Amino acid sequence: MRTADAASPAVLHRDAKTAPVLEESSVLDVIYVVATIALFALVALVARGIERL
């Protein structure tokens, strides 16, 4: 009977392969957040310019 603590080498190898994917995913999350903030700032700037017309 296998326990949860005894991981096979295949499972460990798979986990090692998915680690960089998690790092890339978090970097993409930061890029999306920054892009969203920049988009809202651009919309606010355009709205302020239209308001002055």
C-alpha atoms as a PDB file:
ATOM      1  CA  MET A   1       0.000   0.000   0.000  1.00  0.00           C
ATOM      2  CA  ARG A   2       1.399   3.394  -1.004  1.00  0.00           C
ATOM      3  CA  THR A   3       1.261   6.369   1.272  1.00  0.00           C
ATOM      4  CA  ALA A   4       0.873   9.992   0.231  1.00  0.00           C
ATOM      5  CA  ASP A   5       4.447  10.749   1.309  1.00  0.00           C
ATOM      6  CA  ALA A   6       6.025   8.199  -1.050  1.00  0.00           C
ATOM      7  CA  ALA A   7       6.150   9.966  -4.407  1.00  0.00           C
ATOM      8  CA  SER A   8       7.375   8.140  -7.467  1.00  0.00           C
ATOM      9  CA  PRO A   9      10.250   9.574  -9.533  1.00  0.00           C
ATOM     10  CA  ALA A  10       7.802  10.252 -12.370  1.00  0.00           C
ATOM     11  CA  VAL A  11       5.701  12.460 -10.109  1.00  0.00           C
ATOM     12  CA  LEU A  12       8.777  14.306  -8.859  1.00  0.00           C
ATOM     13  CA  HIS A  13       9.989  14.774 -12.429  1.00  0.00           C
ATOM     14  CA  ARG A  14       6.594  16.101 -13.520  1.00  0.00           C
ATOM     15  CA  ASP A  15       6.542  18.552 -10.607  1.00  0.00           C
ATOM     16  CA  ALA A  16      10.010  19.777 -11.556  1.00  0.00           C
ATOM     17  CA  LYS A  17       8.810  20.403 -15.113  1.00  0.00           C
ATOM     18  CA  THR A  18       5.750  22.398 -14.011  1.00  0.00           C
ATOM     19  CA  ALA A  19       7.708  24.688 -11.669  1.00  0.00           C
ATOM     20  CA  PRO A  20       8.869  27.054 -14.459  1.00  0.00           C
ATOM     21  CA  VAL A  21       5.299  27.208 -15.778  1.00  0.00           C
ATOM     22  CA  LEU A  22       4.152  28.576 -12.426  1.00  0.00           C
ATOM     23  CA  GLU A  23       6.868  31.249 -12.515  1.00  0.00           C
ATOM     24  CA  GLU A  24       5.914  32.238 -16.070  1.00  0.00           C
ATOM     25  CA  SER A  25       2.277  32.335 -15.057  1.00  0.00           C
ATOM     26  CA  SER A  26       2.950  34.732 -12.182  1.00  0.00           C
ATOM     27  CA  VAL A  27       5.029  36.965 -14.469  1.00  0.00           C
ATOM     28  CA  LEU A  28       2.167  37.029 -16.975  1.00  0.00           C
ATOM     29  CA  ASP A  29      -0.241  37.915 -14.163  1.00  0.00           C
ATOM     30  CA  VAL A  30       1.915  40.922 -13.254  1.00  0.00           C
ATOM     31  CA  ILE A  31       2.083  41.976 -16.908  1.00  0.00           C
ATOM     32  CA  TYR A  32      -1.708  41.758 -17.238  1.00  0.00           C
ATOM     33  CA  VAL A  33      -2.236  43.817 -14.069  1.00  0.00           C
ATOM     34  CA  VAL A  34       0.209  46.507 -15.232  1.00  0.00           C
ATOM     35  CA  ALA A  35      -1.373  46.577 -18.693  1.00  0.00           C
ATOM     36  CA  THR A  36      -4.851  46.910 -17.180  1.00  0.00           C
ATOM     37  CA  ILE A  37      -3.767  49.806 -14.962  1.00  0.00           C
ATOM     38  CA  ALA A  38      -2.107  51.496 -17.953  1.00  0.00           C
ATOM     39  CA  LEU A  39      -5.267  51.046 -20.012  1.00  0.00           C
ATOM     40  CA  PHE A  40      -7.432  52.642 -17.313  1.00  0.00           C
ATOM     41  CA  ALA A  41      -4.944  55.512 -17.012  1.00  0.00           C
ATOM     42  CA  LEU A  42      -5.089  56.041 -20.785  1.00  0.00           C
ATOM     43  CA  VAL A  43      -8.898  56.036 -20.767  1.00  0.00           C
ATOM     44  CA  ALA A  44      -8.889  58.543 -17.890  1.00  0.00           C
ATOM     45  CA  LEU A  45      -6.469  60.769 -19.793  1.00  0.00           C
ATOM     46  CA  VAL A  46      -8.620  60.680 -22.927  1.00  0.00           C
ATOM     47  CA  ALA A  47     -11.749  61.384 -20.865  1.00  0.00           C
ATOM     48  CA  ARG A  48     -10.056  64.378 -19.242  1.00  0.00           C
ATOM     49  CA  GLY A  49      -9.025  65.678 -22.661  1.00  0.00           C
ATOM     50  CA  ILE A  50     -12.558  65.290 -24.052  1.00  0.00           C
ATOM     51  CA  GLU A  51     -13.948  66.998 -20.969  1.00  0.00           C
ATOM     52  CA  ARG A  52     -11.904  70.116 -21.725  1.00  0.00           C
ATOM     53  CA  LEU A  53     -13.331  70.457 -25.259  1.00  0.00           C
END
